[in-house]
Amino acid sequence: MTDRKDILPDVQANLDKLPDWCFGRHLSTNTIIRINKGEMGFRPITNQEWPKNVARDKDMPFDQFIDVLNGYENVTPAQRQAMQFGSMWGWGLKLADPDVYDEKGNILHEKLNFKK
């Protein structure tokens, strides 16, 4: 079992690489959410019609539209993916680190370095 002293530096290291908040997508309802750095869970966005309409009108996948919204706040797709993971599973885990994602938010498996 990992000692708590070993967990806290990982949490802080990950949080230092993340913005204060970002938009994400609720995976089961396909709606936009707000994720706050360091908080477990998310905050729902109340008006869901306008983003879906704009994405449809621009012929843009919903996830791409969320990345456009995040771009206005200089949030990268890698940071968004790390924040979505951290808010659900814990901020000190490897997948809550934006460095394990590429510029499109895809996992870079070679950066996970799982110990055998």
C-alpha atoms as a PDB file:
ATOM      1  CA  MET A   1       0.000   0.000   0.000  1.00  0.00           C
ATOM      2  CA  THR A   2       1.259   3.491  -0.867  1.00  0.00           C
ATOM      3  CA  ASP A   3       1.985   5.870   1.982  1.00  0.00           C
ATOM      4  CA  ARG A   4      -0.032   9.114   1.821  1.00  0.00           C
ATOM      5  CA  LYS A   5       3.228  11.116   1.649  1.00  0.00           C
ATOM      6  CA  ASP A   6       3.886   9.472  -1.732  1.00  0.00           C
ATOM      7  CA  ILE A   7       0.483  10.377  -3.151  1.00  0.00           C
ATOM      8  CA  LEU A   8       0.355  14.099  -2.397  1.00  0.00           C
ATOM      9  CA  PRO A   9       3.390  15.140  -4.500  1.00  0.00           C
ATOM     10  CA  ASP A  10       1.866  13.373  -7.535  1.00  0.00           C
ATOM     11  CA  VAL A  11      -1.401  15.244  -7.051  1.00  0.00           C
ATOM     12  CA  GLN A  12       0.363  18.614  -6.818  1.00  0.00           C
ATOM     13  CA  ALA A  13       2.603  17.858  -9.798  1.00  0.00           C
ATOM     14  CA  ASN A  14      -0.442  17.095 -11.953  1.00  0.00           C
ATOM     15  CA  LEU A  15      -2.453  20.087 -10.712  1.00  0.00           C
ATOM     16  CA  ASP A  16       0.440  22.448 -11.461  1.00  0.00           C
ATOM     17  CA  LYS A  17       0.108  21.569 -15.184  1.00  0.00           C
ATOM     18  CA  LEU A  18      -3.628  22.247 -15.394  1.00  0.00           C
ATOM     19  CA  PRO A  19      -5.808  25.343 -15.813  1.00  0.00           C
ATOM     20  CA  ASP A  20      -8.230  26.399 -13.082  1.00  0.00           C
ATOM     21  CA  TRP A  21     -11.173  24.962 -15.043  1.00  0.00           C
ATOM     22  CA  CYS A  22     -12.200  23.605 -18.423  1.00  0.00           C
ATOM     23  CA  PHE A  23     -15.206  22.402 -20.351  1.00  0.00           C
ATOM     24  CA  GLY A  24     -15.643  18.669 -20.813  1.00  0.00           C
ATOM     25  CA  ARG A  25     -18.248  16.220 -22.062  1.00  0.00           C
ATOM     26  CA  HIS A  26     -20.404  14.113 -19.768  1.00  0.00           C
ATOM     27  CA  LEU A  27     -19.907  10.708 -21.331  1.00  0.00           C
ATOM     28  CA  SER A  28     -23.312   9.191 -20.620  1.00  0.00           C
ATOM     29  CA  THR A  29     -25.520  12.226 -21.356  1.00  0.00           C
ATOM     30  CA  ASN A  30     -23.349  13.801 -24.088  1.00  0.00           C
ATOM     31  CA  THR A  31     -23.662  17.242 -22.507  1.00  0.00           C
ATOM     32  CA  ILE A  32     -21.127  19.959 -21.735  1.00  0.00           C
ATOM     33  CA  ILE A  33     -19.810  20.096 -18.177  1.00  0.00           C
ATOM     34  CA  ARG A  34     -17.418  22.351 -16.287  1.00  0.00           C
ATOM     35  CA  ILE A  35     -14.523  20.699 -14.465  1.00  0.00           C
ATOM     36  CA  ASN A  36     -12.694  22.596 -11.742  1.00  0.00           C
ATOM     37  CA  LYS A  37      -9.062  21.763 -11.040  1.00  0.00           C
ATOM     38  CA  GLY A  38      -8.668  19.554  -7.980  1.00  0.00           C
ATOM     39  CA  GLU A  39     -12.396  18.929  -7.459  1.00  0.00           C
ATOM     40  CA  MET A  40     -13.957  15.514  -7.743  1.00  0.00           C
ATOM     41  CA  GLY A  41     -16.948  15.474 -10.051  1.00  0.00           C
ATOM     42  CA  PHE A  42     -18.139  18.291 -12.308  1.00  0.00           C
ATOM     43  CA  ARG A  43     -20.667  21.072 -12.630  1.00  0.00           C
ATOM     44  CA  PRO A  44     -23.388  20.781 -15.280  1.00  0.00           C
ATOM     45  CA  ILE A  45     -23.878  23.583 -17.800  1.00  0.00           C
ATOM     46  CA  THR A  46     -27.541  24.536 -17.826  1.00  0.00           C
ATOM     47  CA  ASN A  47     -28.176  25.631 -21.438  1.00  0.00           C
ATOM     48  CA  GLN A  48     -27.260  22.667 -23.653  1.00  0.00           C
ATOM     49  CA  GLU A  49     -29.150  23.625 -26.804  1.00  0.00           C
ATOM     50  CA  TRP A  50     -26.909  26.423 -28.074  1.00  0.00           C
ATOM     51  CA  PRO A  51     -23.624  24.445 -28.113  1.00  0.00           C
ATOM     52  CA  LYS A  52     -25.229  21.489 -29.849  1.00  0.00           C
ATOM     53  CA  ASN A  53     -26.869  23.799 -32.385  1.00  0.00           C
ATOM     54  CA  VAL A  54     -23.623  25.682 -33.067  1.00  0.00           C
ATOM     55  CA  ALA A  55     -21.683  22.431 -33.450  1.00  0.00           C
ATOM     56  CA  ARG A  56     -24.334  21.091 -35.834  1.00  0.00           C
ATOM     57  CA  ASP A  57     -24.460  24.345 -37.832  1.00  0.00           C
ATOM     58  CA  LYS A  58     -20.673  24.340 -38.205  1.00  0.00           C
ATOM     59  CA  ASP A  59     -20.751  20.617 -39.108  1.00  0.00           C
ATOM     60  CA  MET A  60     -18.354  19.977 -36.248  1.00  0.00           C
ATOM     61  CA  PRO A  61     -18.195  16.942 -33.939  1.00  0.00           C
ATOM     62  CA  PHE A  62     -19.341  17.864 -30.420  1.00  0.00           C
ATOM     63  CA  ASP A  63     -15.953  17.028 -28.841  1.00  0.00           C
ATOM     64  CA  GLN A  64     -14.209  19.275 -31.353  1.00  0.00           C
ATOM     65  CA  PHE A  65     -16.595  22.103 -30.489  1.00  0.00           C
ATOM     66  CA  ILE A  66     -15.799  21.655 -26.775  1.00  0.00           C
ATOM     67  CA  ASP A  67     -12.101  21.915 -27.645  1.00  0.00           C
ATOM     68  CA  VAL A  68     -12.835  25.162 -29.534  1.00  0.00           C
ATOM     69  CA  LEU A  69     -14.570  26.550 -26.434  1.00  0.00           C
ATOM     70  CA  ASN A  70     -11.611  25.496 -24.286  1.00  0.00           C
ATOM     71  CA  GLY A  71      -9.241  27.126 -26.764  1.00  0.00           C
ATOM     72  CA  TYR A  72     -10.649  30.533 -25.831  1.00  0.00           C
ATOM     73  CA  GLU A  73      -9.240  29.888 -22.350  1.00  0.00           C
ATOM     74  CA  ASN A  74      -5.978  28.380 -23.709  1.00  0.00           C
ATOM     75  CA  VAL A  75      -6.935  24.909 -22.462  1.00  0.00           C
ATOM     76  CA  THR A  76      -5.371  22.181 -24.595  1.00  0.00           C
ATOM     77  CA  PRO A  77      -7.079  18.891 -25.507  1.00  0.00           C
ATOM     78  CA  ALA A  78      -4.436  17.112 -23.376  1.00  0.00           C
ATOM     79  CA  GLN A  79      -5.343  19.224 -20.349  1.00  0.00           C
ATOM     80  CA  ARG A  80      -9.039  18.595 -20.945  1.00  0.00           C
ATOM     81  CA  GLN A  81      -8.518  14.818 -21.058  1.00  0.00           C
ATOM     82  CA  ALA A  82      -6.369  14.905 -17.914  1.00  0.00           C
ATOM     83  CA  MET A  83      -8.977  16.974 -16.086  1.00  0.00           C
ATOM     84  CA  GLN A  84     -11.830  14.699 -17.153  1.00  0.00           C
ATOM     85  CA  PHE A  85      -9.891  11.710 -15.840  1.00  0.00           C
ATOM     86  CA  GLY A  86      -8.746  13.438 -12.640  1.00  0.00           C
ATOM     87  CA  SER A  87     -12.238  14.622 -11.760  1.00  0.00           C
ATOM     88  CA  MET A  88     -13.587  11.080 -12.027  1.00  0.00           C
ATOM     89  CA  TRP A  89     -10.779   8.862 -10.746  1.00  0.00           C
ATOM     90  CA  GLY A  90      -8.304  11.003  -8.804  1.00  0.00           C
ATOM     91  CA  TRP A  91      -5.884  13.841  -9.459  1.00  0.00           C
ATOM     92  CA  GLY A  92      -2.724  11.952  -8.521  1.00  0.00           C
ATOM     93  CA  LEU A  93      -3.044   9.178 -11.085  1.00  0.00           C
ATOM     94  CA  LYS A  94      -0.969   8.998 -14.291  1.00  0.00           C
ATOM     95  CA  LEU A  95      -3.909   9.748 -16.588  1.00  0.00           C
ATOM     96  CA  ALA A  96      -4.585  13.016 -14.700  1.00  0.00           C
ATOM     97  CA  ASP A  97      -1.226  14.261 -16.043  1.00  0.00           C
ATOM     98  CA  PRO A  98      -1.576  16.130 -19.372  1.00  0.00           C
ATOM     99  CA  ASP A  99       1.949  15.002 -20.342  1.00  0.00           C
ATOM    100  CA  VAL A 100       0.659  11.486 -21.104  1.00  0.00           C
ATOM    101  CA  TYR A 101      -1.545  12.821 -23.944  1.00  0.00           C
ATOM    102  CA  ASP A 102      -0.620  14.136 -27.381  1.00  0.00           C
ATOM    103  CA  GLU A 103      -1.729  17.525 -28.750  1.00  0.00           C
ATOM    104  CA  LYS A 104      -5.077  16.030 -29.814  1.00  0.00           C
ATOM    105  CA  GLY A 105      -5.762  14.507 -26.386  1.00  0.00           C
ATOM    106  CA  ASN A 106      -4.908  10.914 -27.335  1.00  0.00           C
ATOM    107  CA  ILE A 107      -3.096   8.766 -24.752  1.00  0.00           C
ATOM    108  CA  LEU A 108       0.621   8.282 -25.375  1.00  0.00           C
ATOM    109  CA  HIS A 109       0.907   4.735 -24.045  1.00  0.00           C
ATOM    110  CA  GLU A 110       4.705   4.836 -23.976  1.00  0.00           C
ATOM    111  CA  LYS A 111       4.521   7.668 -21.397  1.00  0.00           C
ATOM    112  CA  LEU A 112       2.502   5.644 -18.911  1.00  0.00           C
ATOM    113  CA  ASN A 113       5.548   3.622 -17.768  1.00  0.00           C
ATOM    114  CA  PHE A 114       3.633   1.000 -15.851  1.00  0.00           C
ATOM    115  CA  LYS A 115       5.890  -0.992 -13.530  1.00  0.00           C
ATOM    116  CA  LYS A 116       5.804  -4.762 -13.844  1.00  0.00           C
END
